Amino acid sequence: MAGFTLPHTLHGDGAHRVVAVHGWLADRGDYAAVLPDLDAAAFTYAFVDLRGYGEARDATGAFTTSEGAEDVLALADRLGWHRFSLIGHSMGGAVVQRVLAAAPDRVRRMVGISPVPASGMPMDEATRDLFTGAAEHPANRRAIIDLTTGGNRPDAWLDRMTRRSVDRSDPKAFRAWLDSWSGEDFHEETEGSPVPALAVTGALDPALGAQFLRATWLRWYPAGQLVELPHAGHHAMDEAPLDLIRTVEDFLRADHV
């Protein structure tokens, strides 16, 4: 799409610029619970909608992590941000690692919140069926959210998260994104990067837990760090927003002078 600009919300006016990318199940509203308590004096955040989501729900495209990275870089150029940090949740974690691969000199720091690793996410047949069916069946989305948050969240919250996912994504784009983030392995393009890279996981997330991230994220990033939030699952922004903000912003501040 010629001239396409990712829909986005700017928050704060600080000198440290940060692009935040949402996950597979939602648009930039994924970050709504953390917005009121972010440090708007130290940071300027750009929260984006990837193609197929939110205000970009009707956008055409390939719906791949590499295209998402190109779109993030194009937005940074439009904003006049030469260097910036990155935050990516779940699928967005793969997108920000694609940005690192494409423009390593532009990335100050990188944060993955329950990030899909650069090696993708192989699935057994039953799990694959659950995820592929989620494009057309809201019950599958609800089951995925329930599974990845420990199976003990309130029904009303699961229902709300499911409605948001369905309302804010295009089913065909949603399905196409799955093939990209789960099936592509580009870890050799980022392995050994010296960029400080924080992975935040929730102790209640059985899919992208600490053990898995030690074998992927920490193995590939020499300046990598890992923090496990004890009371969160896959959706830390909603489950433990204040703990997440402190963890992420302390990490981002570490290179301030």
Protein backbone atom coordinates (compact mmCIF):
# COMPACT_ATOMS: atom_id res chain seq x y z
CA MET A 1 0.00 0.00 0.00
CA ALA A 2 1.83 3.08 -1.26
CA GLY A 3 2.08 5.85 1.29
CA PHE A 4 0.58 3.77 4.10
CA THR A 5 1.15 5.10 7.61
CA LEU A 6 0.42 2.97 10.63
CA PRO A 7 -2.42 4.47 12.68
CA HIS A 8 -0.97 5.45 16.00
CA THR A 9 -1.43 7.30 19.28
CA LEU A 10 1.36 9.43 20.72
CA HIS A 11 1.61 9.54 24.51
CA GLY A 12 4.01 11.75 26.45
CA ASP A 13 6.61 14.26 25.33
CA GLY A 14 9.84 12.86 26.75
CA ALA A 15 13.15 12.67 24.93
CA HIS A 16 13.29 8.86 24.91
CA ARG A 17 11.11 7.71 22.00
CA VAL A 18 9.46 4.29 22.11
CA VAL A 19 7.37 2.43 19.53
CA ALA A 20 4.96 -0.12 21.06
CA VAL A 21 3.51 -2.93 18.93
CA HIS A 22 0.50 -5.01 19.96
CA GLY A 23 0.03 -8.76 19.79
CA TRP A 24 -1.97 -11.13 17.61
CA LEU A 25 -5.23 -10.94 19.53
CA ALA A 26 -5.78 -7.17 19.70
CA ASP A 27 -4.99 -3.72 18.36
CA ARG A 28 -3.16 -0.88 20.11
CA GLY A 29 -5.93 -0.95 22.72
CA ASP A 30 -3.85 -3.81 24.10
CA TYR A 31 -1.96 -1.13 26.04
CA ALA A 32 -4.96 0.83 27.35
CA ALA A 33 -4.56 -0.29 30.96
CA VAL A 34 -1.00 1.02 31.25
CA LEU A 35 -1.49 4.42 29.58
CA PRO A 36 -2.54 6.46 32.66
CA ASP A 37 0.57 5.55 34.63
CA LEU A 38 3.36 5.77 32.07
CA ASP A 39 6.13 8.33 32.60
CA ALA A 40 5.07 10.94 30.07
CA ALA A 41 7.91 13.29 31.06
CA ALA A 42 10.74 10.84 30.30
CA PHE A 43 9.24 9.04 27.30
CA THR A 44 7.27 9.62 24.13
CA TYR A 45 5.39 6.47 23.19
CA ALA A 46 3.90 5.69 19.80
CA PHE A 47 1.27 2.94 20.07
CA VAL A 48 0.52 1.54 16.62
CA ASP A 49 -2.15 -0.50 14.85
CA LEU A 50 -0.66 -3.10 12.52
CA ARG A 51 -2.37 -3.79 9.21
CA GLY A 52 -5.58 -5.70 9.78
CA TYR A 53 -6.16 -4.26 13.26
CA GLY A 54 -7.92 -1.29 14.83
CA GLU A 55 -7.88 1.76 12.58
CA ALA A 56 -5.90 -0.29 10.04
CA ARG A 57 -8.50 -3.11 10.07
CA ASP A 58 -9.30 -2.60 6.39
CA ALA A 59 -5.73 -2.04 5.21
CA THR A 60 -4.43 -4.38 2.56
CA GLY A 61 -1.06 -6.05 2.82
CA ALA A 62 0.92 -9.24 3.23
CA PHE A 63 0.33 -9.33 7.02
CA THR A 64 3.82 -10.52 7.86
CA THR A 65 6.28 -9.58 10.58
CA SER A 66 8.73 -8.26 8.00
CA GLU A 67 6.07 -5.98 6.50
CA GLY A 68 5.15 -4.88 10.02
CA ALA A 69 8.78 -3.95 10.64
CA GLU A 70 8.89 -1.93 7.43
CA ASP A 71 5.76 -0.09 8.53
CA VAL A 72 7.25 0.67 11.95
CA LEU A 73 10.39 2.08 10.36
CA ALA A 74 8.32 4.15 7.92
CA LEU A 75 6.37 5.60 10.84
CA ALA A 76 9.57 6.39 12.73
CA ASP A 77 10.82 8.22 9.65
CA ARG A 78 7.54 10.15 9.41
CA LEU A 79 7.84 11.13 13.08
CA GLY A 80 11.47 12.15 12.63
CA TRP A 81 12.69 9.51 15.07
CA HIS A 82 16.14 8.31 13.99
CA ARG A 83 16.78 6.30 17.17
CA PHE A 84 14.14 4.81 19.39
CA SER A 85 13.37 1.88 21.65
CA LEU A 86 10.87 -0.87 20.91
CA ILE A 87 8.21 -2.72 22.86
CA GLY A 88 6.39 -5.69 21.37
CA HIS A 89 3.76 -7.93 22.92
CA SER A 90 3.51 -11.57 21.78
CA MET A 91 3.37 -11.39 17.95
CA GLY A 92 4.56 -7.81 18.29
CA GLY A 93 7.70 -9.21 19.88
CA ALA A 94 8.51 -10.87 16.57
CA VAL A 95 7.77 -7.63 14.71
CA VAL A 96 10.18 -5.58 16.85
CA GLN A 97 12.88 -8.20 16.39
CA ARG A 98 12.36 -7.79 12.64
CA VAL A 99 12.92 -4.05 13.12
CA LEU A 100 16.17 -4.84 14.93
CA ALA A 101 17.24 -7.09 12.06
CA ALA A 102 16.45 -4.42 9.44
CA ALA A 103 17.86 -1.38 11.24
CA PRO A 104 20.08 -2.39 14.17
CA ASP A 105 21.74 1.01 14.46
CA ARG A 106 18.41 2.73 15.07
CA VAL A 107 17.33 0.64 18.07
CA ARG A 108 18.31 1.88 21.55
CA ARG A 109 16.65 -0.84 23.62
CA MET A 110 14.15 -3.60 22.94
CA VAL A 111 11.46 -5.08 25.17
CA GLY A 112 9.42 -8.18 24.46
CA ILE A 113 6.34 -8.82 26.61
CA SER A 114 5.70 -12.56 26.34
CA PRO A 115 7.49 -12.22 22.99
CA VAL A 116 7.26 -14.72 20.16
CA PRO A 117 10.92 -15.57 19.51
CA ALA A 118 12.64 -14.93 16.21
CA SER A 119 12.54 -18.68 15.59
CA GLY A 120 8.74 -18.76 15.42
CA MET A 121 6.40 -20.97 17.43
CA PRO A 122 6.07 -24.60 16.30
CA MET A 123 2.73 -26.12 17.35
CA ASP A 124 1.37 -29.62 17.65
CA GLU A 125 -1.67 -30.51 15.55
CA ALA A 126 -4.27 -29.81 18.25
CA THR A 127 -2.77 -26.43 19.13
CA ARG A 128 -2.51 -25.50 15.47
CA ASP A 129 -6.17 -26.34 14.94
CA LEU A 130 -7.13 -24.19 17.93
CA PHE A 131 -5.16 -21.21 16.64
CA THR A 132 -6.18 -21.48 12.98
CA GLY A 133 -9.82 -21.78 14.00
CA ALA A 134 -9.56 -18.59 16.04
CA ALA A 135 -9.84 -16.46 12.91
CA GLU A 136 -13.51 -17.38 12.49
CA HIS A 137 -14.51 -18.72 15.90
CA PRO A 138 -14.54 -16.38 18.92
CA ALA A 139 -14.72 -19.39 21.25
CA ASN A 140 -11.23 -20.39 20.09
CA ARG A 141 -9.91 -16.94 20.91
CA ARG A 142 -11.45 -17.13 24.36
CA ALA A 143 -9.93 -20.57 24.92
CA ILE A 144 -6.47 -19.27 23.91
CA ILE A 145 -6.74 -16.30 26.28
CA ASP A 146 -7.92 -18.58 29.09
CA LEU A 147 -5.17 -21.14 28.49
CA THR A 148 -2.36 -18.60 28.35
CA THR A 149 -3.42 -16.80 31.55
CA GLY A 150 -3.49 -19.86 33.77
CA GLY A 151 -7.15 -20.81 33.47
CA ASN A 152 -8.21 -18.79 36.50
CA ARG A 153 -9.29 -15.38 35.19
CA PRO A 154 -12.88 -14.09 35.63
CA ASP A 155 -15.37 -15.01 32.92
CA ALA A 156 -16.27 -11.35 32.41
CA TRP A 157 -12.63 -10.48 31.70
CA LEU A 158 -12.26 -13.37 29.25
CA ASP A 159 -15.45 -12.27 27.51
CA ARG A 160 -14.27 -8.66 27.31
CA MET A 161 -10.87 -9.63 25.93
CA THR A 162 -12.54 -11.88 23.35
CA ARG A 163 -14.96 -9.16 22.22
CA ARG A 164 -12.11 -6.70 21.84
CA SER A 165 -10.15 -9.19 19.76
CA VAL A 166 -13.06 -9.90 17.42
CA ASP A 167 -14.14 -6.27 17.10
CA ARG A 168 -10.65 -4.90 16.43
CA SER A 169 -9.25 -7.37 13.89
CA ASP A 170 -10.03 -8.52 10.37
CA PRO A 171 -10.44 -12.33 10.24
CA LYS A 172 -8.47 -12.80 7.01
CA ALA A 173 -5.59 -10.64 8.19
CA PHE A 174 -5.70 -12.33 11.59
CA ARG A 175 -5.32 -15.72 9.93
CA ALA A 176 -2.47 -14.53 7.69
CA TRP A 177 -0.54 -13.02 10.59
CA LEU A 178 -0.60 -16.42 12.31
CA ASP A 179 1.37 -18.08 9.52
CA SER A 180 4.03 -15.38 9.68
CA TRP A 181 4.68 -15.12 13.41
CA SER A 182 4.40 -18.84 14.09
CA GLY A 183 6.13 -20.21 11.02
CA GLU A 184 9.06 -17.94 10.20
CA ASP A 185 12.55 -18.43 11.63
CA PHE A 186 14.84 -15.42 11.26
CA HIS A 187 16.83 -15.71 14.48
CA GLU A 188 20.15 -15.85 12.62
CA GLU A 189 19.48 -12.26 11.48
CA THR A 190 19.42 -10.96 15.05
CA GLU A 191 21.55 -13.48 16.95
CA GLY A 192 24.45 -11.79 18.71
CA SER A 193 22.97 -8.29 18.59
CA PRO A 194 24.50 -6.09 21.31
CA VAL A 195 21.27 -4.10 21.77
CA PRO A 196 19.99 -4.44 25.37
CA ALA A 197 16.96 -6.70 25.14
CA LEU A 198 14.49 -7.37 27.96
CA ALA A 199 12.00 -10.22 27.88
CA VAL A 200 9.11 -9.97 30.36
CA THR A 201 7.07 -13.10 30.92
CA GLY A 202 4.23 -14.07 33.19
CA ALA A 203 4.56 -17.04 35.52
CA LEU A 204 1.04 -18.12 34.54
CA ASP A 205 1.82 -18.29 30.80
CA PRO A 206 2.50 -21.91 29.76
CA ALA A 207 3.31 -21.01 26.16
CA LEU A 208 5.97 -18.30 26.41
CA GLY A 209 7.32 -18.87 29.88
CA ALA A 210 10.73 -18.24 31.43
CA GLN A 211 12.23 -21.59 30.47
CA PHE A 212 11.30 -21.14 26.82
CA LEU A 213 12.66 -17.60 26.70
CA ARG A 214 15.93 -18.64 28.34
CA ALA A 215 16.41 -21.10 25.47
CA THR A 216 15.65 -18.51 22.80
CA TRP A 217 15.75 -14.82 23.74
CA LEU A 218 18.55 -15.04 26.32
CA ARG A 219 20.55 -17.42 24.16
CA TRP A 220 20.58 -15.07 21.17
CA TYR A 221 20.96 -11.64 22.82
CA PRO A 222 24.23 -11.22 24.77
CA ALA A 223 22.78 -8.15 26.54
CA GLY A 224 19.49 -9.93 27.15
CA GLN A 225 17.60 -9.88 30.44
CA LEU A 226 14.57 -11.82 31.68
CA VAL A 227 11.97 -10.81 34.26
CA GLU A 228 9.12 -13.07 35.32
CA LEU A 229 6.01 -11.42 36.77
CA PRO A 230 4.57 -13.82 39.35
CA HIS A 231 0.93 -12.76 39.06
CA ALA A 232 0.62 -12.43 35.30
CA GLY A 233 0.07 -14.70 32.34
CA HIS A 234 0.33 -13.81 28.66
CA HIS A 235 -1.47 -10.46 28.96
CA ALA A 236 0.62 -8.60 31.53
CA MET A 237 -0.69 -5.20 30.41
CA ASP A 238 -4.13 -6.15 31.76
CA GLU A 239 -3.11 -8.60 34.47
CA ALA A 240 -0.28 -6.70 36.21
CA PRO A 241 -0.05 -3.22 34.65
CA LEU A 242 1.82 -1.46 37.46
CA ASP A 243 4.40 -4.21 37.82
CA LEU A 244 4.88 -4.20 34.06
CA ILE A 245 5.34 -0.43 33.86
CA ARG A 246 7.96 -0.43 36.60
CA THR A 247 9.86 -3.32 35.01
CA VAL A 248 9.82 -1.89 31.49
CA GLU A 249 10.49 1.75 32.30
CA ASP A 250 13.32 0.94 34.71
CA PHE A 251 14.94 -1.03 31.89
CA LEU A 252 14.42 1.75 29.35
CA ARG A 253 15.84 4.35 31.73
CA ALA A 254 19.06 2.40 32.21
CA ASP A 255 20.81 4.12 29.31
CA HIS A 256 19.72 7.66 30.22
CA VAL A 257 22.50 10.11 31.00
